[in-house]
N, C-alpha and C. Protein backbone atom coordinates (compact mmCIF):
# COMPACT_ATOMS: atom_id res chain seq x y z
N MET A 1 88.81 -85.48 172.79
CA MET A 1 90.14 -85.27 173.31
C MET A 1 90.09 -84.14 174.34
N PRO A 2 90.68 -84.33 175.53
CA PRO A 2 90.65 -83.29 176.55
C PRO A 2 91.51 -82.10 176.15
N HIS A 3 91.08 -80.92 176.61
CA HIS A 3 91.86 -79.71 176.37
C HIS A 3 93.01 -79.68 177.35
N SER A 4 94.17 -79.28 176.87
CA SER A 4 95.32 -79.13 177.76
C SER A 4 96.27 -78.11 177.18
N SER A 5 97.10 -77.58 178.05
CA SER A 5 98.18 -76.72 177.59
C SER A 5 99.44 -77.19 178.29
N THR A 6 100.53 -77.16 177.57
CA THR A 6 101.79 -77.68 178.10
C THR A 6 102.84 -76.59 178.11
N LEU A 7 103.57 -76.56 179.18
CA LEU A 7 104.72 -75.67 179.28
C LEU A 7 105.93 -76.57 179.35
N LEU A 8 106.75 -76.55 178.31
CA LEU A 8 107.87 -77.47 178.21
C LEU A 8 109.16 -76.85 178.74
N ALA A 9 110.02 -77.70 179.21
CA ALA A 9 111.33 -77.26 179.70
C ALA A 9 112.34 -77.38 178.58
N GLU A 10 112.44 -76.36 177.76
CA GLU A 10 113.40 -76.35 176.67
C GLU A 10 114.35 -75.18 176.90
N PRO A 11 115.66 -75.40 176.76
CA PRO A 11 116.63 -74.38 177.10
C PRO A 11 116.48 -73.05 176.39
N VAL A 12 115.94 -73.03 175.17
CA VAL A 12 115.86 -71.78 174.43
C VAL A 12 114.47 -71.16 174.43
N SER A 13 113.51 -71.76 175.07
CA SER A 13 112.16 -71.21 175.02
C SER A 13 111.91 -70.28 176.21
N ALA A 14 111.07 -69.29 176.00
CA ALA A 14 110.74 -68.34 177.06
C ALA A 14 110.16 -69.01 178.30
N PRO A 15 109.29 -70.03 178.15
CA PRO A 15 108.71 -70.62 179.35
C PRO A 15 109.60 -71.63 180.06
N SER A 16 110.91 -71.65 179.76
CA SER A 16 111.77 -72.66 180.35
C SER A 16 111.92 -72.51 181.86
N GLN A 17 111.54 -71.36 182.42
CA GLN A 17 111.61 -71.19 183.86
C GLN A 17 110.79 -72.24 184.59
N CYS A 18 109.81 -72.80 183.92
CA CYS A 18 108.94 -73.79 184.53
C CYS A 18 109.75 -74.94 185.13
N ALA A 19 110.80 -75.37 184.47
CA ALA A 19 111.59 -76.49 184.95
C ALA A 19 112.55 -76.10 186.07
N ALA A 20 112.69 -74.81 186.32
CA ALA A 20 113.65 -74.34 187.32
C ALA A 20 113.08 -74.36 188.74
N CYS A 21 111.85 -74.72 188.89
CA CYS A 21 111.23 -74.68 190.22
C CYS A 21 110.92 -76.09 190.71
N ALA A 22 110.40 -76.15 191.91
CA ALA A 22 110.05 -77.44 192.51
C ALA A 22 108.65 -77.89 192.10
N ALA A 23 108.04 -77.22 191.14
CA ALA A 23 106.69 -77.53 190.65
C ALA A 23 105.68 -77.55 191.77
N ASP A 24 105.65 -76.47 192.54
CA ASP A 24 104.67 -76.35 193.62
C ASP A 24 103.24 -76.35 193.09
N CYS A 25 103.07 -75.99 191.84
CA CYS A 25 101.72 -75.99 191.26
C CYS A 25 101.14 -77.40 191.24
N LEU A 26 101.99 -78.41 191.07
CA LEU A 26 101.52 -79.80 191.11
C LEU A 26 100.90 -80.13 192.45
N GLU A 27 101.56 -79.67 193.50
CA GLU A 27 101.07 -79.93 194.86
C GLU A 27 99.84 -79.09 195.18
N ALA A 28 99.78 -77.88 194.64
CA ALA A 28 98.68 -76.97 194.93
C ALA A 28 97.37 -77.42 194.30
N CYS A 29 97.45 -78.13 193.19
CA CYS A 29 96.24 -78.55 192.48
C CYS A 29 95.66 -79.81 193.11
N PHE A 30 94.49 -79.66 193.69
CA PHE A 30 93.84 -80.80 194.36
C PHE A 30 93.03 -81.65 193.40
N ASN A 31 92.89 -81.19 192.17
CA ASN A 31 92.00 -81.86 191.22
C ASN A 31 92.76 -82.58 190.12
N ASP A 32 94.08 -82.74 190.28
CA ASP A 32 94.92 -83.41 189.28
C ASP A 32 94.79 -82.77 187.90
N ALA A 33 94.64 -81.45 187.87
CA ALA A 33 94.57 -80.75 186.60
C ALA A 33 95.96 -80.35 186.11
N ILE A 34 96.96 -80.37 187.00
CA ILE A 34 98.33 -80.06 186.62
C ILE A 34 99.16 -81.32 186.83
N VAL A 35 99.77 -81.77 185.74
CA VAL A 35 100.55 -83.01 185.78
C VAL A 35 101.91 -82.78 185.14
N ALA A 36 102.87 -83.63 185.48
CA ALA A 36 104.19 -83.55 184.87
C ALA A 36 104.06 -83.95 183.39
N ALA A 37 104.64 -83.15 182.51
CA ALA A 37 104.61 -83.44 181.08
C ALA A 37 105.72 -84.43 180.74
N GLU A 38 105.50 -85.24 179.74
CA GLU A 38 106.47 -86.26 179.34
C GLU A 38 107.83 -85.68 178.99
N ARG A 39 107.83 -84.54 178.32
CA ARG A 39 109.09 -83.94 177.85
C ARG A 39 109.63 -82.89 178.81
N GLY A 40 109.14 -82.85 180.02
CA GLY A 40 109.57 -81.86 181.00
C GLY A 40 108.53 -80.79 181.19
N GLY A 41 108.68 -80.02 182.25
CA GLY A 41 107.69 -78.99 182.54
C GLY A 41 106.41 -79.61 183.09
N VAL A 42 105.33 -78.88 182.97
CA VAL A 42 104.04 -79.37 183.44
C VAL A 42 102.98 -79.15 182.38
N GLU A 43 101.86 -79.82 182.55
CA GLU A 43 100.74 -79.72 181.63
C GLU A 43 99.50 -79.42 182.45
N ILE A 44 98.66 -78.52 181.96
CA ILE A 44 97.38 -78.24 182.60
C ILE A 44 96.30 -78.97 181.81
N LEU A 45 95.58 -79.84 182.49
CA LEU A 45 94.45 -80.54 181.88
C LEU A 45 93.21 -79.71 182.19
N GLU A 46 92.86 -78.85 181.24
CA GLU A 46 91.81 -77.87 181.47
C GLU A 46 90.48 -78.49 181.83
N ASP A 47 90.19 -79.67 181.32
CA ASP A 47 88.92 -80.33 181.63
C ASP A 47 88.84 -80.76 183.10
N ASN A 48 90.00 -80.91 183.76
CA ASN A 48 90.03 -81.29 185.18
C ASN A 48 90.05 -80.08 186.10
N CYS A 49 90.29 -78.90 185.55
CA CYS A 49 90.47 -77.70 186.36
C CYS A 49 89.16 -77.25 186.98
N ALA A 50 89.18 -77.06 188.31
CA ALA A 50 88.01 -76.58 189.04
C ALA A 50 87.96 -75.07 189.09
N GLY A 51 89.03 -74.40 188.65
CA GLY A 51 89.05 -72.95 188.65
C GLY A 51 89.26 -72.31 190.01
N CYS A 52 89.83 -73.06 190.95
CA CYS A 52 90.02 -72.54 192.31
C CYS A 52 91.14 -71.52 192.39
N GLY A 53 92.12 -71.60 191.48
CA GLY A 53 93.21 -70.65 191.45
C GLY A 53 94.35 -70.94 192.41
N ALA A 54 94.35 -72.07 193.07
CA ALA A 54 95.42 -72.39 194.02
C ALA A 54 96.78 -72.48 193.34
N CYS A 55 96.81 -72.80 192.07
CA CYS A 55 98.07 -72.93 191.33
C CYS A 55 98.70 -71.58 191.00
N VAL A 56 97.89 -70.54 190.93
CA VAL A 56 98.40 -69.23 190.51
C VAL A 56 99.48 -68.71 191.46
N PRO A 57 99.23 -68.60 192.76
CA PRO A 57 100.29 -68.13 193.65
C PRO A 57 101.39 -69.17 193.87
N ALA A 58 101.13 -70.43 193.56
CA ALA A 58 102.13 -71.49 193.75
C ALA A 58 103.24 -71.40 192.71
N CYS A 59 102.99 -70.75 191.59
CA CYS A 59 104.00 -70.62 190.53
C CYS A 59 104.88 -69.42 190.83
N ASP A 60 106.13 -69.68 191.21
CA ASP A 60 107.06 -68.61 191.56
C ASP A 60 107.37 -67.68 190.39
N PHE A 61 107.14 -68.14 189.18
CA PHE A 61 107.47 -67.35 188.00
C PHE A 61 106.25 -66.63 187.41
N GLY A 62 105.07 -66.82 188.01
CA GLY A 62 103.88 -66.15 187.52
C GLY A 62 103.45 -66.60 186.14
N LEU A 63 103.67 -67.88 185.82
CA LEU A 63 103.35 -68.39 184.49
C LEU A 63 101.94 -68.95 184.38
N ILE A 64 101.21 -69.01 185.50
CA ILE A 64 99.86 -69.57 185.47
C ILE A 64 98.87 -68.46 185.83
N ARG A 65 97.77 -68.42 185.11
CA ARG A 65 96.70 -67.46 185.39
C ARG A 65 95.36 -68.16 185.22
N LEU A 66 94.32 -67.54 185.73
CA LEU A 66 92.97 -68.05 185.48
C LEU A 66 92.38 -67.24 184.33
N GLN A 67 91.88 -67.94 183.35
CA GLN A 67 91.23 -67.31 182.20
C GLN A 67 89.87 -67.96 182.05
N ASP A 68 88.82 -67.18 182.22
CA ASP A 68 87.46 -67.72 182.14
C ASP A 68 87.25 -68.89 183.08
N GLY A 69 87.84 -68.80 184.29
CA GLY A 69 87.65 -69.81 185.31
C GLY A 69 88.45 -71.08 185.12
N VAL A 70 89.46 -71.04 184.25
CA VAL A 70 90.29 -72.22 183.98
C VAL A 70 91.75 -71.79 184.03
N ALA A 71 92.59 -72.61 184.68
CA ALA A 71 94.02 -72.33 184.74
C ALA A 71 94.63 -72.48 183.36
N GLN A 72 95.48 -71.51 183.00
CA GLN A 72 96.18 -71.55 181.72
C GLN A 72 97.56 -70.96 181.92
N PHE A 73 98.48 -71.31 181.02
CA PHE A 73 99.81 -70.73 181.06
C PHE A 73 99.79 -69.39 180.36
N ARG A 74 100.62 -68.49 180.84
CA ARG A 74 100.86 -67.24 180.12
C ARG A 74 102.36 -67.09 180.00
N LEU A 75 102.78 -66.61 178.86
CA LEU A 75 104.22 -66.42 178.65
C LEU A 75 104.69 -65.27 179.51
N PRO A 76 105.88 -65.40 180.07
CA PRO A 76 106.41 -64.32 180.90
C PRO A 76 106.83 -63.14 180.04
N ALA A 77 106.90 -61.97 180.67
CA ALA A 77 107.41 -60.80 179.97
C ALA A 77 108.86 -61.05 179.60
N ALA A 78 109.34 -60.43 178.58
CA ALA A 78 110.70 -60.66 178.10
C ALA A 78 111.74 -60.39 179.18
N SER A 79 111.44 -59.50 180.10
CA SER A 79 112.41 -59.17 181.14
C SER A 79 112.29 -60.06 182.37
N ALA A 80 111.32 -60.94 182.42
CA ALA A 80 111.12 -61.80 183.60
C ALA A 80 112.16 -62.92 183.58
N LYS A 81 113.12 -62.85 184.49
CA LYS A 81 114.14 -63.88 184.54
C LYS A 81 114.29 -64.48 185.93
N ALA A 82 113.68 -63.90 186.90
CA ALA A 82 113.83 -64.37 188.27
C ALA A 82 112.46 -64.58 188.90
N PRO A 83 112.39 -65.46 189.90
CA PRO A 83 111.10 -65.66 190.58
C PRO A 83 110.64 -64.39 191.25
N ARG A 84 109.32 -64.30 191.43
CA ARG A 84 108.76 -63.17 192.18
C ARG A 84 109.20 -63.25 193.61
N PRO A 85 109.40 -62.13 194.27
CA PRO A 85 109.81 -62.16 195.69
C PRO A 85 108.72 -62.68 196.58
C-alpha cells in the first residue's frame, strides 16, 4: 500500500484552511504526488514525491513541508488563520 497523508476539509479541524485556497499545490506538483482527496482537501502520495519542494511555496497557508526529502503536511500554529503575505 502506498504511503500518503491527507489533509481534509472539515469545518472544525485545524487543517481546514486547505480547502480555502485554489489548491496551487496541485498545479505545482509535476509528479502527481498531490491529488484531490475524496472527502475534500488534498492528499500527498509520498511514493510519487520527487522531493523537489515546488509545493511548499505554492501553499499559501504553509501547511506543506519537506521532511527527509518527501512532501508532508504540517499542522498550522494555533494562531495561523490567514494566508502568508
